[in-house]
Amino acid sequence: MKNSLREQLGAWLFLSPFLLTLAVFFVYSTGRAFYFSFTDYNMFSEPQWVGFANYISLFQQSLFLRALQNTVLFSLIVTVVQCFLALVMATVLNQKIRGLGFFRATYYMPSIASSVVITLIFLWMYQRRGLINYLWTEGRRHAPIIVFFLVTVSIIQILQVVIERRRGFPARWVDPALTVMSILIGTAVTAGAWVFGFIAVRDLPPVDFTWLQTRMRIPESPEFLRVPVPLIAIMIQNIFTTIPTLMIMYLTALQDVPKSLYEAAEIDGAGATQRFLNITIPSVRPVTFLVVTLSLIGTLQMFDQVAIFGDAVPLESVITLAYFVYNRMFPGAQLPQVGIASAAAIFLALFTLSLVLIQRLFIKSEVS
């Protein structure tokens, strides 16, 4: 009995720092925020009880409605894209290829770099004469050469596969050996066409697309799906920095999938796409639930990129619910609107919980 009590006391002792932190920074702070959401409070006067007035006021503020729209669009688009690309990348890195450790480490680097540093780098890349517009310009100028090369490689690959199949060999459309040969021949043909003047680099002005200091939204319609261009810029950055972390989760799950399943499917004639859809995706369903949940929570609470972009972009183009809370809590020279900020914070918490519960209906957390 004494040993059991001693073990319990030891366990509680080791847990006490975490429990104390949880009690102070989560339970207590949540309770205080919930109370302040029903009051009119500015940190310099006594709180005045106003009931649900703050919650009603939220939906009467255009900036809050824009923050809600931006948050929903950001969360849905980024979650879908980064989860899909993370699974595809994990599937590629789960293959037996030379230098696999190097590629895994390289792809994971963006996730361990400072988010502030990454954001500042992307701020430079998004300038009107930055890297992205430069690559866009060069892509348009070299489009005839690129298109000619891709078409040539495709034609040569098709011809090689057809010839090999007529000879009785089971050649695949993406056979590695034939693909390498097609690329080499396509490169030589493209170089010859460029030297003899059949194709040339186009003389076009530099792309002058504004990524940040604009209120432009795309597409033109419908209204509720129009995404501000600066928010798209943040989406690209967020996807780039988050995919590696999600990829590691998928990669761990894929290593537990029996190789015999893929071998049996390949013997039965299943292609790479069929194996991916019928074996890979069902096998990692529990991890998909975790990945989607973490991605939803992270994107719904996205704050740091908006804060770092700061005055470089119009506020209404990038504001999210998390930044709306900060903006009302620390409004500069004005008095803090603690009641409004607390109501928005409670709404964000309940909204996040609701979306997580809804996605649980569509993505099961266990393999059936």
Protein backbone atom coordinates (compact mmCIF):
# COMPACT_ATOMS: atom_id res chain seq x y z
CA MET A 1 0.00 0.00 0.00
CA LYS A 2 2.83 2.38 0.88
CA ASN A 3 4.64 1.57 -2.37
CA SER A 4 1.46 2.25 -4.35
CA LEU A 5 0.94 5.59 -2.59
CA ARG A 6 4.58 6.49 -3.15
CA GLU A 7 4.28 5.73 -6.87
CA GLN A 8 1.14 7.86 -7.15
CA LEU A 9 2.82 10.76 -5.33
CA GLY A 10 5.83 10.45 -7.61
CA ALA A 11 3.62 10.49 -10.69
CA TRP A 12 1.73 13.57 -9.48
CA LEU A 13 5.04 15.26 -8.66
CA PHE A 14 6.33 14.77 -12.20
CA LEU A 15 2.99 15.89 -13.64
CA SER A 16 2.67 18.95 -11.42
CA PRO A 17 4.60 21.41 -13.69
CA PHE A 18 2.41 20.48 -16.66
CA LEU A 19 -0.79 20.54 -14.60
CA LEU A 20 0.11 23.91 -13.08
CA THR A 21 0.82 25.36 -16.52
CA LEU A 22 -2.44 23.90 -17.83
CA ALA A 23 -4.42 25.28 -14.91
CA VAL A 24 -2.99 28.80 -15.15
CA PHE A 25 -2.65 29.32 -18.90
CA PHE A 26 -5.63 27.30 -20.11
CA VAL A 27 -8.30 26.67 -17.48
CA TYR A 28 -7.96 29.98 -15.64
CA SER A 29 -7.36 32.09 -18.77
CA THR A 30 -10.26 30.45 -20.59
CA GLY A 31 -12.56 31.08 -17.65
CA ARG A 32 -11.49 34.73 -17.45
CA ALA A 33 -11.94 35.17 -21.21
CA PHE A 34 -15.38 33.58 -21.04
CA TYR A 35 -16.36 35.98 -18.24
CA PHE A 36 -14.95 39.07 -19.99
CA SER A 37 -16.81 38.14 -23.20
CA PHE A 38 -20.03 39.11 -21.40
CA THR A 39 -18.68 42.43 -20.13
CA ASP A 40 -17.66 45.86 -21.35
CA TYR A 41 -14.06 46.08 -20.12
CA ASN A 42 -11.00 48.07 -21.21
CA MET A 43 -8.48 47.07 -18.49
CA PHE A 44 -8.66 50.51 -16.86
CA SER A 45 -12.19 50.44 -15.44
CA GLU A 46 -14.44 47.97 -13.71
CA PRO A 47 -16.06 45.37 -16.01
CA GLN A 48 -19.69 46.15 -16.82
CA TRP A 49 -21.98 43.19 -17.50
CA VAL A 50 -23.54 43.46 -20.98
CA GLY A 51 -24.73 39.89 -21.61
CA PHE A 52 -24.56 38.74 -25.22
CA ALA A 53 -24.03 42.27 -26.58
CA ASN A 54 -20.40 41.57 -27.51
CA TYR A 55 -21.32 38.44 -29.49
CA ILE A 56 -24.07 40.32 -31.31
CA SER A 57 -21.69 43.20 -32.00
CA LEU A 58 -19.15 40.85 -33.57
CA PHE A 59 -21.48 39.92 -36.42
CA GLN A 60 -22.25 43.59 -37.00
CA GLN A 61 -18.59 44.46 -37.64
CA SER A 62 -17.45 44.19 -41.23
CA LEU A 63 -13.84 43.55 -40.17
CA PHE A 64 -14.88 40.52 -38.09
CA LEU A 65 -16.96 39.12 -40.96
CA ARG A 66 -14.00 39.57 -43.30
CA ALA A 67 -11.74 37.86 -40.74
CA LEU A 68 -14.20 34.96 -40.53
CA GLN A 69 -14.31 34.62 -44.32
CA ASN A 70 -10.52 34.80 -44.63
CA THR A 71 -10.07 32.22 -41.87
CA VAL A 72 -12.50 29.72 -43.40
CA LEU A 73 -11.01 30.05 -46.89
CA PHE A 74 -7.47 29.88 -45.57
CA SER A 75 -8.16 26.84 -43.40
CA LEU A 76 -10.04 24.80 -46.01
CA ILE A 77 -7.69 25.50 -48.92
CA VAL A 78 -4.44 25.09 -46.99
CA THR A 79 -5.61 21.95 -45.13
CA VAL A 80 -6.68 20.16 -48.31
CA VAL A 81 -3.59 21.11 -50.32
CA GLN A 82 -0.94 20.48 -47.68
CA CYS A 83 -2.44 17.17 -46.50
CA PHE A 84 -2.62 15.83 -50.06
CA LEU A 85 0.88 16.99 -50.98
CA ALA A 86 2.28 15.66 -47.69
CA LEU A 87 0.86 12.21 -48.46
CA VAL A 88 2.20 12.27 -52.01
CA MET A 89 5.65 13.37 -50.82
CA ALA A 90 5.67 10.70 -48.09
CA THR A 91 4.74 8.06 -50.68
CA VAL A 92 7.65 9.15 -52.88
CA LEU A 93 10.14 9.17 -50.00
CA ASN A 94 8.94 5.75 -48.87
CA GLN A 95 10.47 4.19 -51.97
CA LYS A 96 13.90 2.56 -52.06
CA ILE A 97 15.94 5.19 -53.86
CA ARG A 98 19.58 6.20 -53.58
CA GLY A 99 20.27 9.15 -51.27
CA LEU A 100 16.93 8.75 -49.48
CA GLY A 101 18.25 10.11 -46.17
CA PHE A 102 19.51 13.27 -47.87
CA PHE A 103 16.15 13.91 -49.57
CA ARG A 104 14.22 13.34 -46.34
CA ALA A 105 16.43 15.79 -44.45
CA THR A 106 16.24 18.35 -47.25
CA TYR A 107 12.45 18.25 -47.47
CA TYR A 108 12.15 18.62 -43.68
CA MET A 109 14.38 21.70 -43.43
CA PRO A 110 11.59 24.31 -43.93
CA SER A 111 9.76 23.02 -40.86
CA ILE A 112 12.66 23.52 -38.46
CA ALA A 113 13.56 26.99 -39.71
CA SER A 114 12.24 30.00 -37.81
CA SER A 115 8.79 31.06 -39.01
CA VAL A 116 9.87 34.69 -38.68
CA VAL A 117 12.88 34.13 -40.92
CA ILE A 118 10.83 32.19 -43.46
CA THR A 119 8.20 34.95 -43.52
CA LEU A 120 10.84 37.64 -44.09
CA ILE A 121 12.32 35.59 -46.94
CA PHE A 122 8.89 35.26 -48.54
CA LEU A 123 8.31 39.00 -48.08
CA TRP A 124 11.39 39.56 -50.26
CA MET A 125 10.25 36.93 -52.77
CA TYR A 126 6.82 38.60 -53.11
CA GLN A 127 8.21 42.02 -54.04
CA ARG A 128 7.28 43.37 -57.47
CA ARG A 129 10.84 42.65 -58.59
CA GLY A 130 11.23 39.65 -56.32
CA LEU A 131 12.06 36.03 -57.06
CA ILE A 132 8.52 34.82 -57.79
CA ASN A 133 7.80 37.49 -60.41
CA TYR A 134 11.28 36.89 -61.89
CA LEU A 135 10.64 33.15 -62.26
CA TRP A 136 7.19 33.91 -63.66
CA THR A 137 8.77 36.25 -66.23
CA GLU A 138 11.42 33.73 -67.26
CA GLY A 139 8.79 30.99 -67.52
CA ARG A 140 6.71 33.08 -69.92
CA ARG A 141 9.76 34.01 -71.98
CA HIS A 142 10.95 30.40 -72.27
CA ALA A 143 7.45 28.94 -72.67
CA PRO A 144 7.94 27.96 -76.36
CA ILE A 145 11.10 26.01 -75.51
CA ILE A 146 9.53 24.36 -72.46
CA VAL A 147 6.39 23.35 -74.35
CA PHE A 148 8.42 22.06 -77.30
CA PHE A 149 10.60 19.99 -74.96
CA LEU A 150 7.63 18.47 -73.10
CA VAL A 151 5.76 17.62 -76.29
CA THR A 152 8.89 16.09 -77.84
CA VAL A 153 9.61 13.96 -74.76
CA SER A 154 5.98 12.79 -74.64
CA ILE A 155 5.95 11.79 -78.30
CA ILE A 156 9.26 9.93 -78.02
CA GLN A 157 8.09 8.15 -74.86
CA ILE A 158 4.85 7.03 -76.50
CA LEU A 159 6.71 5.78 -79.58
CA GLN A 160 9.18 3.82 -77.46
CA VAL A 161 6.44 2.19 -75.37
CA VAL A 162 4.44 1.24 -78.47
CA ILE A 163 7.53 -0.27 -80.13
CA GLU A 164 8.49 -2.24 -77.01
CA ARG A 165 4.96 -3.60 -76.58
CA ARG A 166 4.84 -4.70 -80.23
CA ARG A 167 8.07 -6.56 -79.57
CA GLY A 168 6.34 -8.39 -76.74
CA PHE A 169 7.88 -6.56 -73.80
CA PRO A 170 5.54 -5.32 -70.96
CA ALA A 171 6.69 -1.70 -71.12
CA ARG A 172 4.92 0.81 -68.89
CA TRP A 173 4.08 4.35 -69.95
CA VAL A 174 6.41 5.73 -67.26
CA ASP A 175 9.10 3.06 -67.56
CA PRO A 176 12.24 4.61 -65.95
CA ALA A 177 14.72 3.43 -68.58
CA LEU A 178 12.56 4.61 -71.47
CA THR A 179 11.84 7.90 -69.70
CA VAL A 180 15.55 8.65 -69.31
CA MET A 181 16.11 7.90 -72.98
CA SER A 182 13.14 10.12 -73.95
CA ILE A 183 14.52 13.00 -71.89
CA LEU A 184 17.97 12.70 -73.44
CA ILE A 185 16.61 12.56 -76.99
CA GLY A 186 14.11 15.36 -76.24
CA THR A 187 16.90 17.55 -74.88
CA ALA A 188 18.99 17.01 -78.01
CA VAL A 189 16.06 17.70 -80.36
CA THR A 190 15.06 20.83 -78.41
CA ALA A 191 18.64 22.14 -78.45
CA GLY A 192 18.80 21.57 -82.19
CA ALA A 193 15.50 23.33 -82.78
CA TRP A 194 16.72 26.30 -80.72
CA VAL A 195 20.08 26.49 -82.53
CA PHE A 196 18.44 26.43 -85.97
CA GLY A 197 15.86 29.04 -84.99
CA PHE A 198 12.70 26.92 -84.99
CA ILE A 199 12.01 28.02 -81.42
CA ALA A 200 13.29 31.04 -79.53
CA VAL A 201 13.03 32.91 -76.25
CA ARG A 202 10.25 35.51 -76.41
CA ASP A 203 11.00 39.18 -75.72
CA LEU A 204 8.39 40.02 -73.07
CA PRO A 205 8.28 42.74 -70.40
CA PRO A 206 8.86 41.68 -66.77
CA VAL A 207 5.84 40.44 -64.82
CA ASP A 208 4.66 43.26 -62.59
CA PHE A 209 2.13 41.39 -60.47
CA THR A 210 1.42 42.89 -57.03
CA TRP A 211 1.32 40.21 -54.33
CA LEU A 212 1.14 42.26 -51.14
CA GLN A 213 0.03 45.87 -51.39
CA THR A 214 -3.28 45.14 -53.08
CA ARG A 215 -6.92 44.53 -52.25
CA MET A 216 -7.49 42.43 -55.36
CA ARG A 217 -9.37 39.18 -54.79
CA ILE A 218 -9.73 36.16 -57.06
CA PRO A 219 -11.73 34.68 -58.63
CA GLU A 220 -14.18 37.39 -59.69
CA SER A 221 -17.16 35.33 -58.49
CA PRO A 222 -18.78 33.94 -56.45
CA GLU A 223 -18.35 36.50 -53.71
CA PHE A 224 -17.92 34.09 -50.78
CA LEU A 225 -15.08 32.24 -52.56
CA ARG A 226 -13.05 35.30 -53.52
CA VAL A 227 -9.64 35.04 -51.88
CA PRO A 228 -7.48 38.17 -51.40
CA VAL A 229 -4.18 37.95 -53.26
CA PRO A 230 -2.09 38.75 -50.14
CA LEU A 231 -3.85 35.87 -48.35
CA ILE A 232 -2.91 33.57 -51.24
CA ALA A 233 0.70 34.63 -50.70
CA ILE A 234 0.45 33.59 -47.04
CA MET A 235 -1.21 30.31 -48.09
CA ILE A 236 1.75 29.45 -50.32
CA GLN A 237 4.18 30.17 -47.50
CA ASN A 238 2.17 28.20 -44.93
CA ILE A 239 1.87 25.18 -47.23
CA PHE A 240 5.61 25.28 -47.94
CA THR A 241 6.58 25.31 -44.25
CA THR A 242 3.97 22.84 -42.93
CA ILE A 243 4.07 20.03 -45.51
CA PRO A 244 7.37 18.55 -44.19
CA THR A 245 5.96 18.04 -40.67
CA LEU A 246 2.84 16.33 -41.98
CA MET A 247 5.00 14.33 -44.38
CA ILE A 248 6.95 12.84 -41.46
CA MET A 249 3.69 11.65 -39.87
CA TYR A 250 2.56 10.02 -43.11
CA LEU A 251 6.00 8.53 -43.70
CA THR A 252 5.93 6.86 -40.29
CA ALA A 253 2.51 5.37 -41.05
CA LEU A 254 3.54 4.17 -44.51
CA GLN A 255 6.48 2.24 -43.12
CA ASP A 256 4.02 0.08 -41.19
CA VAL A 257 2.05 -0.86 -44.33
CA PRO A 258 3.04 -4.40 -45.41
CA LYS A 259 5.03 -4.39 -48.64
CA SER A 260 3.25 -7.61 -49.59
CA LEU A 261 0.05 -5.63 -50.25
CA TYR A 262 1.78 -3.54 -52.93
CA GLU A 263 3.52 -6.57 -54.39
CA ALA A 264 0.25 -8.52 -54.65
CA ALA A 265 -1.52 -5.53 -56.22
CA GLU A 266 1.30 -5.08 -58.75
CA ILE A 267 1.13 -8.78 -59.68
CA ASP A 268 -2.62 -8.37 -60.23
CA GLY A 269 -1.89 -5.56 -62.68
CA ALA A 270 -2.71 -2.55 -60.46
CA GLY A 271 -0.94 0.62 -61.54
CA ALA A 272 0.72 3.20 -59.31
CA THR A 273 -2.45 5.31 -59.12
CA GLN A 274 -4.62 2.31 -58.24
CA ARG A 275 -2.17 1.20 -55.53
CA PHE A 276 -2.14 4.73 -54.11
CA LEU A 277 -5.95 5.01 -54.02
CA ASN A 278 -6.78 1.46 -52.86
CA ILE A 279 -3.86 0.66 -50.54
CA THR A 280 -2.01 3.77 -49.42
CA ILE A 281 -4.94 6.05 -48.58
CA PRO A 282 -7.02 3.44 -46.65
CA SER A 283 -3.94 2.22 -44.76
CA VAL A 284 -3.05 5.68 -43.40
CA ARG A 285 -6.62 6.68 -42.49
CA PRO A 286 -5.92 7.04 -38.73
CA VAL A 287 -2.93 9.29 -39.45
CA THR A 288 -5.02 11.25 -41.95
CA PHE A 289 -7.51 12.00 -39.18
CA LEU A 290 -4.66 13.27 -36.98
CA VAL A 291 -3.04 15.27 -39.78
CA VAL A 292 -6.30 16.92 -40.83
CA THR A 293 -7.15 17.73 -37.20
CA LEU A 294 -3.76 19.32 -36.52
CA SER A 295 -3.90 21.18 -39.82
CA LEU A 296 -7.38 22.54 -39.13
CA ILE A 297 -6.42 23.73 -35.66
CA GLY A 298 -3.21 25.32 -36.92
CA THR A 299 -4.77 27.11 -39.88
CA LEU A 300 -7.80 28.35 -37.95
CA GLN A 301 -5.46 29.91 -35.39
CA MET A 302 -2.99 31.31 -37.93
CA PHE A 303 -1.52 34.53 -36.54
CA ASP A 304 2.24 34.96 -36.87
CA GLN A 305 2.45 35.39 -40.66
CA VAL A 306 -0.23 38.10 -40.60
CA ALA A 307 1.51 39.88 -37.72
CA ILE A 308 4.90 39.80 -39.47
CA PHE A 309 3.47 40.98 -42.81
CA GLY A 310 2.12 43.95 -40.86
CA ASP A 311 1.76 47.20 -42.80
CA ALA A 312 3.13 45.60 -45.97
CA VAL A 313 -0.43 44.46 -46.79
CA PRO A 314 -3.92 45.93 -46.30
CA LEU A 315 -5.34 44.62 -43.02
CA GLU A 316 -8.70 43.50 -44.44
CA SER A 317 -6.92 41.36 -47.06
CA VAL A 318 -5.13 39.12 -44.55
CA ILE A 319 -6.89 39.52 -41.21
CA THR A 320 -7.89 36.26 -39.54
CA LEU A 321 -9.91 35.53 -36.42
CA ALA A 322 -6.78 35.09 -34.31
CA TYR A 323 -5.37 38.40 -35.51
CA PHE A 324 -8.75 40.07 -34.98
CA VAL A 325 -8.52 39.08 -31.30
CA TYR A 326 -5.03 40.57 -31.09
CA ASN A 327 -6.09 43.70 -32.98
CA ARG A 328 -8.95 44.37 -30.55
CA MET A 329 -6.84 43.55 -27.49
CA PHE A 330 -3.90 45.75 -28.53
CA PRO A 331 -5.38 48.48 -30.75
CA GLY A 332 -2.42 50.85 -30.53
CA ALA A 333 -3.21 54.22 -28.99
CA GLN A 334 -6.86 53.34 -28.35
CA LEU A 335 -8.29 51.63 -25.29
CA PRO A 336 -8.34 47.82 -25.46
CA GLN A 337 -11.70 46.25 -26.25
CA VAL A 338 -11.28 43.30 -23.93
CA GLY A 339 -14.93 42.26 -24.10
CA ILE A 340 -14.98 42.15 -27.91
CA ALA A 341 -11.58 40.40 -28.03
CA SER A 342 -12.72 37.80 -25.49
CA ALA A 343 -15.95 37.14 -27.35
CA ALA A 344 -14.01 36.66 -30.60
CA ALA A 345 -11.58 34.31 -28.83
CA ILE A 346 -14.39 32.19 -27.40
CA PHE A 347 -16.08 32.12 -30.82
CA LEU A 348 -12.81 30.99 -32.43
CA ALA A 349 -12.41 28.18 -29.87
CA LEU A 350 -15.98 26.93 -30.37
CA PHE A 351 -15.69 27.29 -34.15
CA THR A 352 -12.46 25.25 -34.19
CA LEU A 353 -14.02 22.54 -32.02
CA SER A 354 -17.07 22.39 -34.28
CA LEU A 355 -15.02 21.96 -37.46
CA VAL A 356 -12.90 19.23 -35.88
CA LEU A 357 -16.02 17.34 -34.81
CA ILE A 358 -17.56 17.76 -38.27
CA GLN A 359 -14.48 16.43 -40.07
CA ARG A 360 -14.53 13.42 -37.73
CA LEU A 361 -17.80 12.41 -39.41
CA PHE A 362 -16.03 12.20 -42.78
CA ILE A 363 -12.59 10.88 -41.76
CA LYS A 364 -12.61 7.90 -39.42
CA SER A 365 -9.83 7.67 -36.85
CA GLU A 366 -9.44 3.92 -37.30
CA VAL A 367 -9.00 1.52 -40.18
CA SER A 368 -12.26 -0.29 -40.98
